[in-house]
Amino acid sequence: MGRALSAKVMLTDLIIKNFAIIENLHVTFGAGFNVLTGETGAGKSIIIDAVNLLLGGRARGEIIRTGEDQAAVEAIFDLGDDPFLRDKLEEAGLDVDSELLVRRVVARSGKNRIFVNGSPVSLTQLRELVSGLVNIYGQHEHQNLQRTETHLHVLDAFSSLQPALAAYRNAYADWHRLQQELSHLTLAERERQQRLDMLRYQQQELTGAQLTVGEDDDLEQERVILLNAEKLTAATVGGYENLYAGQDAVCEKIAIAADQLEALQKIDPQLGTLAETLRSNLYSLEDVATELHDYADKLDFEPQRQQQVEDRLALLGQLKGKYAPTIAELIEYLDKITLELDDLDNIESRREQLQQQLELQREKLLQAGTILTQQRHDGAEKLAIAVERELADLAMPKASFSLRLTPLPEPAADGLEAGEFYLAANPGEEAQPLAKIASGGELSRIMLALKRSVPAGDTVKTLIFDEVDAGIGGEAATAVGEKISRLGKELQVLCVTHLPQVAAFADHHYCVVKEEVEGRTTTNLDLLDIEARTAEMARMLSGSQVSEQTLLHARELIDKSKLLVA
């Protein structure tokens, strides 16, 4: 029944608990074209609503099954070999595996929770993470066609305008950068003058301080010495006197002892050795005495010097408190504001230079934009023809479809124009913006036509069509089924339908069944084998009165569909 497809990003599992009349449902979807059928009121729309909730739709307390405190919906996506989705998860700080698990819990208490791969996320994060995974086309909030900002993207993909668009965007980025730089320079003159005055004051204050790296450490050391002046004087002068210059100085006594020992060395040579030791120590003590004398001479204990040191340290502390914590950083800050002052002083010449660059860049931008615009006009005509051709097979043979390009007053990031789809569903009607007038069924068919015309028009991996077959039948229904089937070769498609001509093309056929169990209504979704599928399609053909003839007709529809898409 199914066909083998290469591994791509797709919705593999949907788990619904206590959601409306669904008590407990777990369904596994396959690649390609998945069709959901069932009797009216069985709950097909409830399943679509559950998926919409996972895409960030509004959570309402009334969706919770009667008698339960909360409802939960989960979806598992196979990430395939798509690195972009893995990067999005990593950037969000979420676990990355081969699958993406999204779970949303709605409680009567109002405490709703959202989890992605087991980690709680906000509603905004959910919408960002799942954007590009699933689009629902029908009477639901998640309608990509109603977002006019996506219309130009579809045209650019259809016409293969990526090179022209990239060239334009590069020119726009340079132009925008110059605009911002010029805007920064053209600050209000009053603000500029205030900035100049402040920077000049800071520059004067820091320059006047004549800063030297390490000066504060030297001053702190000098301050300690000055605070202990008396002790240092007493110790150095007194030490010099005791060792060398004073009466009965140590060095004098050692010299006398050494002379006496030397005089007796002829009697005992050992005394000569001791005399040499004394002489050696004497020289060392004389050196110490000399250094003490020199240290004492260098000491300057003038009262004004201590005040100078205190004042200098106070100034440095004040500057550190105002501008930077170290002298090295103060000097760095001085260099920085000096450069800024130069820029502000030379603002007029810089403004003129930027203005000239901006004008030249605008010319380049307009040249790139004009090329892109022309290619878009050519592509819009071809896209309209392609979509109208597809719509003719979808029971909209007289529909007029177009993409109108409207020049913008100023260049924008994606071009010189805005684009919007217009539709006149019937002859004689005036074309109106698609987002305002199209019904759910029309939106679904137009999206199907666009997807057939522009299979790579966006990055959405799974499409869900609801009401795609509204108001059609016969050959048109067969054409819809064939188109969805061919689309399923590129993407995963889920389609809710009541037409057997559409269901016949499915790779996987699911039936929504409503049952009463122990006095409670519940909905299940069953994957049908070939026999059950034939019976379901016979019911769709003839209602409750299924005959051998309708079973035969159902089998013929299935066989015919296989031949059409073979």
Protein backbone atom coordinates (compact mmCIF):
# COMPACT_ATOMS: atom_id res chain seq x y z
CA MET A 1 0.00 0.00 0.00
CA GLY A 2 2.87 2.42 0.78
CA ARG A 3 5.98 3.32 -1.14
CA ALA A 4 9.50 3.59 0.21
CA LEU A 5 10.75 7.15 0.58
CA SER A 6 14.11 8.47 1.67
CA ALA A 7 14.47 9.49 5.30
CA LYS A 8 13.23 13.07 5.72
CA VAL A 9 11.94 15.22 8.52
CA MET A 10 8.38 14.09 9.20
CA LEU A 11 5.69 13.62 11.82
CA THR A 12 5.87 10.00 12.94
CA ASP A 13 3.64 9.78 16.04
CA LEU A 14 0.71 11.66 17.49
CA ILE A 15 -0.48 10.92 21.04
CA ILE A 16 -3.67 12.52 22.35
CA LYS A 17 -5.09 12.07 25.87
CA ASN A 18 -8.36 13.45 27.26
CA PHE A 19 -8.74 15.93 24.40
CA ALA A 20 -12.42 16.66 23.61
CA ILE A 21 -14.02 13.25 23.00
CA ILE A 22 -10.67 11.50 22.54
CA GLU A 23 -9.72 9.53 25.64
CA ASN A 24 -6.46 7.92 24.59
CA LEU A 25 -5.15 7.87 21.03
CA HIS A 26 -1.73 6.96 19.65
CA VAL A 27 -1.29 6.92 15.90
CA THR A 28 1.84 6.42 13.81
CA PHE A 29 1.97 8.22 10.47
CA GLY A 30 4.02 7.19 7.47
CA ALA A 31 5.92 9.05 4.78
CA GLY A 32 4.13 10.26 1.67
CA PHE A 33 0.38 10.73 1.45
CA ASN A 34 -1.63 9.92 4.61
CA VAL A 35 -5.41 10.22 4.33
CA LEU A 36 -7.90 10.50 7.21
CA THR A 37 -11.53 9.58 6.56
CA GLY A 38 -14.58 8.80 8.65
CA GLU A 39 -18.22 9.60 9.10
CA THR A 40 -19.33 13.14 9.77
CA GLY A 41 -18.92 14.01 13.45
CA ALA A 42 -16.48 11.16 14.11
CA GLY A 43 -13.79 13.59 15.22
CA LYS A 44 -11.54 14.27 12.22
CA SER A 45 -11.41 17.99 12.99
CA ILE A 46 -10.51 17.24 16.62
CA ILE A 47 -7.32 15.53 15.48
CA ILE A 48 -6.41 18.58 13.38
CA ASP A 49 -7.14 20.81 16.39
CA ALA A 50 -4.77 18.69 18.51
CA VAL A 51 -1.96 19.14 16.00
CA ASN A 52 -2.67 22.87 15.85
CA LEU A 53 -2.23 23.04 19.62
CA LEU A 54 1.28 21.60 19.23
CA LEU A 55 2.10 24.31 16.72
CA GLY A 56 1.40 27.02 19.28
CA GLY A 57 -2.36 27.39 18.80
CA ARG A 58 -4.58 28.80 21.52
CA ALA A 59 -5.16 26.52 24.52
CA ARG A 60 -8.75 26.59 25.83
CA GLY A 61 -10.03 24.83 28.93
CA GLU A 62 -13.10 23.51 27.09
CA ILE A 63 -10.95 21.13 25.05
CA ILE A 64 -10.39 18.97 28.16
CA ARG A 65 -12.47 15.79 28.19
CA THR A 66 -15.44 15.87 30.56
CA GLY A 67 -14.51 14.60 34.01
CA GLU A 68 -10.73 15.04 33.52
CA ASP A 69 -8.38 17.63 35.02
CA GLN A 70 -6.08 18.01 32.05
CA ALA A 71 -5.55 17.17 28.39
CA ALA A 72 -2.22 16.29 26.80
CA VAL A 73 -1.05 16.21 23.19
CA GLU A 74 2.32 14.87 22.04
CA ALA A 75 4.02 14.65 18.67
CA ILE A 76 7.21 12.91 17.65
CA PHE A 77 9.12 14.14 14.62
CA ASP A 78 11.88 12.19 12.93
CA LEU A 79 14.64 14.77 12.35
CA GLY A 80 16.08 12.79 9.44
CA ASP A 81 19.34 14.29 8.21
CA ASP A 82 18.32 17.93 8.61
CA PRO A 83 21.18 19.81 10.38
CA PHE A 84 19.17 23.05 10.57
CA LEU A 85 16.66 21.64 13.06
CA ARG A 86 19.44 20.16 15.18
CA ASP A 87 21.16 23.56 15.25
CA LYS A 88 17.91 25.21 16.40
CA LEU A 89 17.63 22.75 19.28
CA GLU A 90 21.26 23.26 20.31
CA GLU A 91 20.90 27.05 20.22
CA ALA A 92 17.85 26.71 22.49
CA GLY A 93 19.88 24.58 24.94
CA LEU A 94 17.72 21.49 24.37
CA ASP A 95 18.74 17.85 24.05
CA VAL A 96 19.42 16.81 20.47
CA ASP A 97 18.61 13.29 19.33
CA SER A 98 17.31 11.66 16.18
CA GLU A 99 13.78 12.70 17.20
CA LEU A 100 11.97 15.82 18.33
CA LEU A 101 9.35 15.26 21.04
CA VAL A 102 6.83 18.08 21.57
CA ARG A 103 4.33 17.80 24.44
CA ARG A 104 1.68 20.26 25.55
CA VAL A 105 -0.50 19.90 28.64
CA VAL A 106 -3.64 21.98 29.19
CA ALA A 107 -5.06 21.98 32.74
CA ARG A 108 -8.40 23.22 34.05
CA SER A 109 -6.47 25.12 36.71
CA GLY A 110 -4.99 27.25 33.91
CA LYS A 111 -1.45 25.97 34.56
CA ASN A 112 -0.52 24.95 31.04
CA ARG A 113 2.88 23.42 30.31
CA ILE A 114 4.97 22.86 27.17
CA PHE A 115 7.91 20.48 26.82
CA VAL A 116 10.39 19.92 23.99
CA ASN A 117 12.58 16.84 24.30
CA GLY A 118 11.66 16.70 27.96
CA SER A 119 12.62 20.30 28.81
CA PRO A 120 10.04 22.99 29.61
CA VAL A 121 9.80 25.83 27.07
CA SER A 122 7.67 28.94 26.60
CA LEU A 123 4.93 29.29 24.01
CA THR A 124 7.15 31.68 22.04
CA GLN A 125 10.00 29.16 22.06
CA LEU A 126 7.61 26.41 20.92
CA ARG A 127 6.44 28.46 17.95
CA GLU A 128 10.02 29.26 16.95
CA LEU A 129 11.14 25.63 17.19
CA VAL A 130 8.25 24.07 15.26
CA SER A 131 7.95 26.80 12.63
CA GLY A 132 8.76 25.20 9.32
CA LEU A 133 7.76 21.71 10.45
CA VAL A 134 4.00 21.62 9.82
CA ASN A 135 1.47 23.82 8.07
CA ILE A 136 -2.26 23.29 8.36
CA TYR A 137 -4.44 24.53 5.50
CA GLY A 138 -8.11 24.91 6.30
CA GLN A 139 -10.19 26.61 8.97
CA HIS A 140 -7.33 26.95 11.44
CA GLU A 141 -5.02 29.61 12.80
CA HIS A 142 -1.81 28.19 11.30
CA GLN A 143 -2.28 29.53 7.77
CA ASN A 144 0.94 30.29 5.97
CA LEU A 145 -0.88 31.64 2.92
CA GLN A 146 -2.44 34.38 5.01
CA ARG A 147 0.99 35.74 5.94
CA THR A 148 1.67 38.12 3.07
CA GLU A 149 5.36 38.36 3.98
CA THR A 150 5.79 34.79 2.67
CA HIS A 151 4.37 35.50 -0.78
CA LEU A 152 7.56 36.98 -2.21
CA HIS A 153 9.51 33.98 -0.89
CA VAL A 154 7.26 31.67 -2.93
CA LEU A 155 7.85 33.73 -6.08
CA ASP A 156 11.62 33.83 -5.53
CA ALA A 157 11.72 30.06 -5.09
CA PHE A 158 9.56 29.47 -8.18
CA SER A 159 11.73 31.73 -10.34
CA SER A 160 15.08 30.59 -8.84
CA LEU A 161 15.94 34.17 -7.90
CA GLN A 162 18.25 33.27 -5.01
CA PRO A 163 21.40 34.68 -6.74
CA ALA A 164 19.72 38.00 -7.57
CA LEU A 165 18.19 38.18 -4.11
CA ALA A 166 21.56 37.44 -2.46
CA ALA A 167 23.24 40.20 -4.50
CA TYR A 168 20.51 42.64 -3.47
CA ARG A 169 20.70 41.66 0.21
CA ASN A 170 24.47 42.15 0.24
CA ALA A 171 24.07 45.63 -1.25
CA TYR A 172 21.27 46.37 1.22
CA ALA A 173 23.40 45.28 4.19
CA ASP A 174 26.22 47.67 3.15
CA TRP A 175 23.75 50.50 2.56
CA HIS A 176 22.02 49.91 5.88
CA ARG A 177 25.38 49.83 7.71
CA LEU A 178 26.35 53.21 6.22
CA GLN A 179 22.94 54.60 7.16
CA GLN A 180 23.42 53.57 10.76
CA GLU A 181 26.92 55.01 10.89
CA LEU A 182 25.73 58.29 9.44
CA SER A 183 22.82 58.37 11.85
CA HIS A 184 25.23 57.87 14.73
CA LEU A 185 27.32 60.81 13.53
CA THR A 186 24.36 63.10 13.08
CA LEU A 187 23.41 63.23 16.72
CA ALA A 188 21.59 66.32 17.83
CA GLU A 189 24.11 69.16 17.97
CA ARG A 190 23.26 69.83 21.59
CA GLU A 191 23.96 66.25 22.57
CA ARG A 192 27.19 66.29 20.59
CA GLN A 193 28.32 69.51 22.26
CA GLN A 194 27.49 68.13 25.70
CA ARG A 195 29.53 65.04 24.88
CA LEU A 196 32.43 67.19 23.67
CA ASP A 197 32.38 69.29 26.83
CA MET A 198 32.38 66.25 29.07
CA LEU A 199 35.15 64.46 27.18
CA ARG A 200 37.33 67.57 27.10
CA TYR A 201 36.96 67.99 30.84
CA GLN A 202 37.88 64.33 31.39
CA GLN A 203 40.82 64.58 29.02
CA GLN A 204 42.11 67.71 30.77
CA GLU A 205 41.71 66.12 34.19
CA LEU A 206 43.54 62.92 33.23
CA THR A 207 46.23 64.63 31.17
CA GLY A 208 46.92 67.11 33.99
CA ALA A 209 47.43 64.23 36.40
CA GLN A 210 50.51 63.10 34.39
CA LEU A 211 49.84 59.48 35.16
CA THR A 212 52.61 56.88 35.39
CA VAL A 213 52.02 53.16 35.66
CA GLY A 214 53.11 51.86 39.09
CA GLU A 215 53.19 55.33 40.63
CA ASP A 216 50.51 54.53 43.16
CA ASP A 217 52.44 51.52 44.47
CA ASP A 218 55.58 53.64 44.90
CA LEU A 219 53.65 56.36 46.69
CA GLU A 220 52.02 53.88 49.05
CA GLN A 221 55.45 52.57 50.00
CA GLU A 222 56.79 56.10 50.48
CA ARG A 223 53.77 56.97 52.60
CA VAL A 224 54.51 54.10 54.97
CA ILE A 225 58.13 55.28 55.30
CA LEU A 226 57.06 58.85 56.01
CA LEU A 227 54.59 57.76 58.65
CA ASN A 228 57.43 55.88 60.42
CA ALA A 229 60.08 58.60 60.02
CA GLU A 230 61.16 58.81 63.69
CA LYS A 231 61.57 55.07 64.03
CA LEU A 232 63.61 54.84 60.84
CA THR A 233 65.87 57.77 61.86
CA ALA A 234 66.46 56.39 65.30
CA ALA A 235 67.25 52.94 63.96
CA THR A 236 69.63 54.02 61.17
CA VAL A 237 71.47 56.88 62.91
CA GLY A 238 71.63 54.97 66.18
CA GLY A 239 72.85 51.86 64.38
CA TYR A 240 75.61 53.84 62.65
CA GLU A 241 76.73 55.40 65.95
CA ASN A 242 76.74 52.08 67.80
CA LEU A 243 78.57 50.23 65.07
CA TYR A 244 81.13 52.79 63.93
CA ALA A 245 81.02 56.45 64.89
CA GLY A 246 80.15 56.50 68.57
CA GLN A 247 82.32 56.22 71.63
CA ASP A 248 83.19 52.59 72.32
CA ALA A 249 81.68 51.63 68.95
CA VAL A 250 81.43 47.95 68.11
CA CYS A 251 83.81 48.19 65.13
CA GLU A 252 86.47 49.91 67.26
CA LYS A 253 86.29 47.19 69.90
CA ILE A 254 86.50 44.43 67.29
CA ALA A 255 89.54 46.13 65.71
CA ILE A 256 91.32 46.25 69.10
CA ALA A 257 90.53 42.58 69.73
CA ALA A 258 91.83 41.64 66.29
CA ASP A 259 95.09 43.61 66.90
CA GLN A 260 95.63 41.83 70.18
CA LEU A 261 95.11 38.37 68.65
CA GLU A 262 97.41 39.13 65.74
CA ALA A 263 100.15 40.17 68.20
CA LEU A 264 99.92 36.78 69.91
CA GLN A 265 99.78 34.58 66.80
CA LYS A 266 103.53 33.91 67.03
CA ILE A 267 102.86 32.23 70.34
CA ASP A 268 99.83 30.33 69.04
CA PRO A 269 99.05 30.34 65.26
CA GLN A 270 95.43 29.47 66.01
CA LEU A 271 94.93 32.97 67.37
CA GLY A 272 95.96 34.35 63.98
CA THR A 273 93.13 32.46 62.32
CA LEU A 274 90.65 33.91 64.81
CA ALA A 275 92.06 37.37 64.15
CA GLU A 276 91.39 36.94 60.41
CA THR A 277 87.79 35.93 61.17
CA LEU A 278 87.34 39.04 63.29
CA ARG A 279 88.83 41.21 60.54
CA SER A 280 86.40 39.71 57.99
CA ASN A 281 83.39 40.34 60.24
CA LEU A 282 84.70 43.82 60.97
CA TYR A 283 84.68 44.69 57.28
CA SER A 284 81.09 43.44 56.98
CA LEU A 285 79.97 45.51 59.96
CA GLU A 286 81.73 48.57 58.56
CA ASP A 287 79.80 48.05 55.29
CA VAL A 288 76.51 47.85 57.22
CA ALA A 289 77.43 51.01 59.14
CA THR A 290 78.18 52.81 55.87
CA GLU A 291 74.81 51.74 54.35
CA LEU A 292 72.99 52.88 57.50
CA HIS A 293 74.76 56.24 57.26
CA ASP A 294 73.84 56.59 53.58
CA TYR A 295 70.20 55.55 54.25
CA ALA A 296 69.94 58.13 57.04
CA ASP A 297 71.35 60.83 54.75
CA LYS A 298 68.73 60.04 52.11
CA LEU A 299 65.82 60.28 54.49
CA ASP A 300 63.86 63.47 53.85
CA PHE A 301 61.27 64.05 56.49
CA GLU A 302 60.12 67.46 55.45
CA PRO A 303 56.47 67.84 56.58
CA GLN A 304 55.39 69.19 53.18
CA ARG A 305 56.56 65.99 51.45
CA GLN A 306 54.23 63.86 53.51
CA GLN A 307 51.35 66.16 52.60
CA GLN A 308 52.34 65.99 48.93
CA VAL A 309 52.22 62.19 48.99
CA GLU A 310 48.84 62.18 50.72
CA ASP A 311 47.42 64.67 48.22
CA ARG A 312 48.73 62.71 45.25
CA LEU A 313 47.31 59.42 46.51
CA ALA A 314 43.96 61.12 47.14
CA LEU A 315 43.92 62.46 43.56
CA LEU A 316 44.75 59.06 42.10
CA GLY A 317 42.03 57.45 44.23
CA GLN A 318 39.53 60.01 43.01
CA LEU A 319 40.40 59.37 39.36
CA LYS A 320 40.17 55.61 39.87
CA GLY A 321 36.73 55.99 41.42
CA LYS A 322 35.51 58.09 38.49
CA TYR A 323 37.01 56.37 35.46
CA ALA A 324 38.89 53.08 35.99
CA PRO A 325 40.24 50.94 38.86
CA THR A 326 43.95 51.04 37.89
CA ILE A 327 46.39 53.61 36.54
CA ALA A 328 47.02 51.44 33.47
CA GLU A 329 43.28 51.46 32.73
CA LEU A 330 43.10 55.22 33.38
CA ILE A 331 45.77 55.77 30.71
CA GLU A 332 43.87 53.42 28.36
CA TYR A 333 40.66 55.37 28.98
CA LEU A 334 42.48 58.63 28.25
CA ASP A 335 43.64 57.25 24.90
CA LYS A 336 40.08 56.14 24.11
CA ILE A 337 38.44 59.49 24.81
CA THR A 338 41.20 61.27 22.90
CA LEU A 339 40.28 59.24 19.82
CA GLU A 340 36.57 59.94 20.33
CA LEU A 341 37.30 63.65 20.66
CA ASP A 342 39.15 63.53 17.37
CA ASP A 343 36.14 61.84 15.75
CA LEU A 344 33.70 64.36 17.22
CA ASP A 345 35.91 67.29 16.26
CA ASN A 346 36.17 65.94 12.71
CA ILE A 347 32.49 64.97 12.46
CA GLU A 348 31.68 67.29 9.58
CA SER A 349 34.35 65.90 7.27
CA ARG A 350 33.43 62.34 8.27
CA ARG A 351 29.73 63.09 7.68
CA GLU A 352 30.45 64.37 4.19
CA GLN A 353 32.56 61.31 3.46
CA LEU A 354 29.81 58.95 4.68
CA GLN A 355 27.15 60.84 2.76
CA GLN A 356 29.10 60.36 -0.46
CA GLN A 357 29.62 56.65 0.29
CA LEU A 358 25.91 56.30 1.08
CA GLU A 359 24.86 57.86 -2.21
CA LEU A 360 27.19 55.58 -4.17
CA GLN A 361 25.94 52.53 -2.26
CA ARG A 362 22.32 53.53 -2.83
CA GLU A 363 22.98 53.56 -6.57
CA LYS A 364 24.42 50.03 -6.33
CA LEU A 365 21.45 48.97 -4.23
CA LEU A 366 18.93 50.36 -6.70
CA GLN A 367 20.75 48.68 -9.58
CA ALA A 368 20.61 45.29 -7.81
CA GLY A 369 17.00 45.95 -6.79
CA THR A 370 15.95 46.87 -10.32
CA ILE A 371 17.38 43.62 -11.67
CA LEU A 372 15.56 41.67 -8.95
CA THR A 373 12.31 43.57 -9.57
CA GLN A 374 12.38 42.86 -13.30
CA GLN A 375 13.00 39.17 -12.70
CA ARG A 376 10.16 39.12 -10.17
CA HIS A 377 7.72 40.70 -12.65
CA ASP A 378 8.67 38.11 -15.24
CA GLY A 379 8.41 35.32 -12.67
CA ALA A 380 5.06 36.55 -11.30
CA GLU A 381 3.44 36.16 -14.73
CA LYS A 382 4.78 32.63 -15.11
CA LEU A 383 3.78 31.71 -11.56
CA ALA A 384 0.21 32.94 -12.17
CA ILE A 385 -0.05 30.81 -15.31
CA ALA A 386 1.33 27.74 -13.52
CA VAL A 387 -1.02 28.12 -10.53
CA GLU A 388 -4.10 28.78 -12.69
CA ARG A 389 -3.28 25.66 -14.69
CA GLU A 390 -3.19 23.63 -11.48
CA LEU A 391 -6.38 25.28 -10.17
CA ALA A 392 -8.21 24.31 -13.34
CA ASP A 393 -7.74 20.67 -12.35
CA LEU A 394 -8.97 21.44 -8.82
CA ALA A 395 -12.52 22.56 -9.68
CA MET A 396 -11.51 26.21 -10.00
CA PRO A 397 -11.26 26.42 -13.83
CA LYS A 398 -12.18 30.11 -14.09
CA ALA A 399 -10.11 31.35 -11.15
CA SER A 400 -7.78 34.27 -11.76
CA PHE A 401 -4.64 34.18 -9.67
CA SER A 402 -1.85 36.76 -9.54
CA LEU A 403 0.99 38.08 -7.45
CA ARG A 404 0.89 41.85 -7.35
CA LEU A 405 4.15 43.68 -6.75
CA THR A 406 3.85 47.08 -5.07
CA PRO A 407 6.84 49.47 -5.00
CA LEU A 408 7.97 50.43 -1.52
CA PRO A 409 8.75 54.06 -0.58
CA GLU A 410 12.21 52.96 0.58
CA PRO A 411 14.32 49.86 -0.13
CA ALA A 412 13.63 46.99 2.28
CA ALA A 413 15.67 43.96 3.27
CA ASP A 414 14.06 41.72 0.61
CA GLY A 415 13.71 44.13 -2.26
CA LEU A 416 12.22 47.32 -3.62
CA GLU A 417 8.65 45.98 -3.55
CA ALA A 418 6.12 44.09 -1.48
CA GLY A 419 4.26 41.14 -2.95
CA GLU A 420 0.79 39.79 -2.28
CA PHE A 421 -1.33 37.06 -3.83
CA TYR A 422 -4.67 38.13 -5.35
CA LEU A 423 -7.57 35.88 -6.32
CA ALA A 424 -10.81 36.16 -8.27
CA ALA A 425 -12.41 32.75 -7.73
CA ASN A 426 -15.11 33.27 -10.37
CA PRO A 427 -15.42 35.14 -13.69
CA GLY A 428 -16.52 38.76 -13.40
CA GLU A 429 -15.30 39.14 -9.84
CA GLU A 430 -12.71 41.73 -8.96
CA ALA A 431 -9.47 40.20 -7.69
CA GLN A 432 -9.02 40.70 -3.97
CA PRO A 433 -6.14 39.96 -1.57
CA LEU A 434 -6.06 36.20 -1.07
CA ALA A 435 -5.65 36.44 2.69
CA LYS A 436 -8.93 38.35 3.01
CA ILE A 437 -11.37 36.56 0.71
CA ALA A 438 -10.38 32.91 0.24
CA SER A 439 -12.38 30.25 2.03
CA GLY A 440 -10.70 27.36 3.84
CA GLY A 441 -11.31 25.02 0.90
CA GLU A 442 -9.99 27.56 -1.59
CA LEU A 443 -6.91 28.22 0.53
CA SER A 444 -6.18 24.50 0.65
CA ARG A 445 -6.53 24.10 -3.10
CA ILE A 446 -4.44 27.20 -3.82
CA MET A 447 -1.73 25.93 -1.51
CA LEU A 448 -1.90 22.57 -3.25
CA ALA A 449 -1.56 24.35 -6.60
CA LEU A 450 1.39 26.37 -5.29
CA LYS A 451 3.06 23.29 -3.87
CA ARG A 452 2.67 21.53 -7.20
CA SER A 453 4.10 24.58 -9.01
CA VAL A 454 6.78 25.42 -6.43
CA PRO A 455 7.66 22.26 -4.51
CA ALA A 456 10.60 24.01 -2.84
CA GLY A 457 8.68 27.21 -2.10
CA ASP A 458 9.32 26.97 1.63
CA THR A 459 10.94 24.68 4.15
CA VAL A 460 7.77 23.13 5.59
CA LYS A 461 8.20 19.37 6.02
CA THR A 462 4.61 18.25 6.66
CA LEU A 463 1.42 19.61 5.08
CA ILE A 464 -2.04 19.02 6.52
CA PHE A 465 -4.94 19.71 4.16
CA ASP A 466 -8.42 20.17 5.61
CA GLU A 467 -11.40 20.85 3.32
CA VAL A 468 -9.17 20.57 0.26
CA ASP A 469 -12.01 18.81 -1.53
CA ALA A 470 -14.79 21.15 -0.42
CA GLY A 471 -17.31 21.66 -3.22
CA ILE A 472 -15.72 19.35 -5.79
CA GLY A 473 -16.28 15.84 -7.05
CA GLY A 474 -15.90 13.55 -10.05
CA GLU A 475 -12.86 14.15 -12.24
CA ALA A 476 -11.80 17.21 -10.21
CA ALA A 477 -11.65 15.06 -7.10
CA THR A 478 -9.48 12.54 -8.92
CA ALA A 479 -7.17 15.37 -10.02
CA VAL A 480 -6.90 16.58 -6.40
CA GLY A 481 -5.99 13.11 -5.22
CA GLU A 482 -3.39 12.68 -7.95
CA LYS A 483 -1.79 16.05 -7.19
CA ILE A 484 -1.59 15.33 -3.48
CA SER A 485 -0.13 11.92 -4.21
CA ARG A 486 2.60 13.43 -6.38
CA LEU A 487 3.24 16.09 -3.73
CA GLY A 488 3.66 13.26 -1.22
CA LYS A 489 6.72 12.10 -3.13
CA GLU A 490 8.49 15.28 -1.99
CA LEU A 491 6.83 15.98 1.37
CA GLN A 492 4.75 14.28 4.02
CA VAL A 493 1.06 15.07 3.53
CA LEU A 494 -1.92 14.47 5.83
CA CYS A 495 -5.31 15.06 4.28
CA VAL A 496 -8.76 14.97 5.82
CA THR A 497 -11.25 14.10 3.08
CA HIS A 498 -14.74 12.75 2.48
CA LEU A 499 -14.08 11.89 -1.18
CA PRO A 500 -13.14 8.32 -2.12
CA GLN A 501 -11.51 9.64 -5.32
CA VAL A 502 -8.96 11.46 -3.14
CA ALA A 503 -8.56 8.69 -0.55
CA ALA A 504 -7.80 6.16 -3.30
CA PHE A 505 -4.37 7.76 -3.89
CA ALA A 506 -3.18 7.50 -0.27
CA ASP A 507 -0.04 5.66 0.74
CA HIS A 508 -1.59 5.17 4.21
CA HIS A 509 -5.31 5.24 4.95
CA TYR A 510 -6.62 5.99 8.47
CA CYS A 511 -10.24 5.85 9.56
CA VAL A 512 -11.60 8.02 12.36
CA VAL A 513 -14.12 6.01 14.34
CA LYS A 514 -16.41 7.28 17.09
CA GLU A 515 -17.54 4.65 19.62
CA GLU A 516 -19.52 4.47 22.83
CA VAL A 517 -17.76 2.56 25.62
CA GLU A 518 -19.43 2.18 29.03
CA GLY A 519 -21.67 5.16 28.39
CA ARG A 520 -18.83 7.45 27.22
CA THR A 521 -18.13 8.56 23.66
CA THR A 522 -14.56 8.21 22.43
CA THR A 523 -12.73 8.57 19.11
CA ASN A 524 -10.07 6.29 17.68
CA LEU A 525 -7.92 6.46 14.57
CA ASP A 526 -7.22 3.11 12.89
CA LEU A 527 -4.70 2.34 10.16
CA LEU A 528 -6.58 0.27 7.57
CA ASP A 529 -5.30 -2.79 5.77
CA ILE A 530 -6.32 -3.32 2.14
CA GLU A 531 -9.56 -5.11 3.00
CA ALA A 532 -10.66 -2.55 5.58
CA ARG A 533 -9.61 0.25 3.29
CA THR A 534 -11.77 -1.10 0.47
CA ALA A 535 -14.74 -1.35 2.85
CA GLU A 536 -14.23 2.23 4.08
CA MET A 537 -14.04 3.57 0.55
CA ALA A 538 -17.20 1.63 -0.36
CA ARG A 539 -18.93 3.34 2.56
CA MET A 540 -17.70 6.70 1.28
CA LEU A 541 -19.13 5.84 -2.16
CA SER A 542 -22.57 4.66 -1.11
CA GLY A 543 -23.10 5.54 2.54
CA SER A 544 -24.29 2.84 4.91
CA GLN A 545 -25.64 0.62 2.11
CA VAL A 546 -22.43 -1.16 1.07
CA SER A 547 -22.91 -3.70 -1.71
CA GLU A 548 -20.63 -6.01 -3.65
CA GLN A 549 -20.88 -3.54 -6.51
CA THR A 550 -19.61 -0.62 -4.38
CA LEU A 551 -16.80 -2.81 -3.02
CA LEU A 552 -15.80 -3.58 -6.60
CA HIS A 553 -15.96 0.12 -7.46
CA ALA A 554 -13.74 0.92 -4.46
CA ARG A 555 -11.13 -1.62 -5.54
CA GLU A 556 -11.19 -0.18 -9.05
CA LEU A 557 -10.56 3.33 -7.68
CA ILE A 558 -7.53 2.11 -5.74
CA ASP A 559 -6.12 0.22 -8.71
CA LYS A 560 -6.72 3.15 -11.07
CA SER A 561 -4.96 5.58 -8.69
CA LYS A 562 -1.86 3.37 -8.61
CA LEU A 563 -1.68 3.46 -12.39
CA LEU A 564 -2.08 7.26 -12.54
CA VAL A 565 0.87 7.96 -10.23
CA ALA A 566 3.08 5.02 -11.25
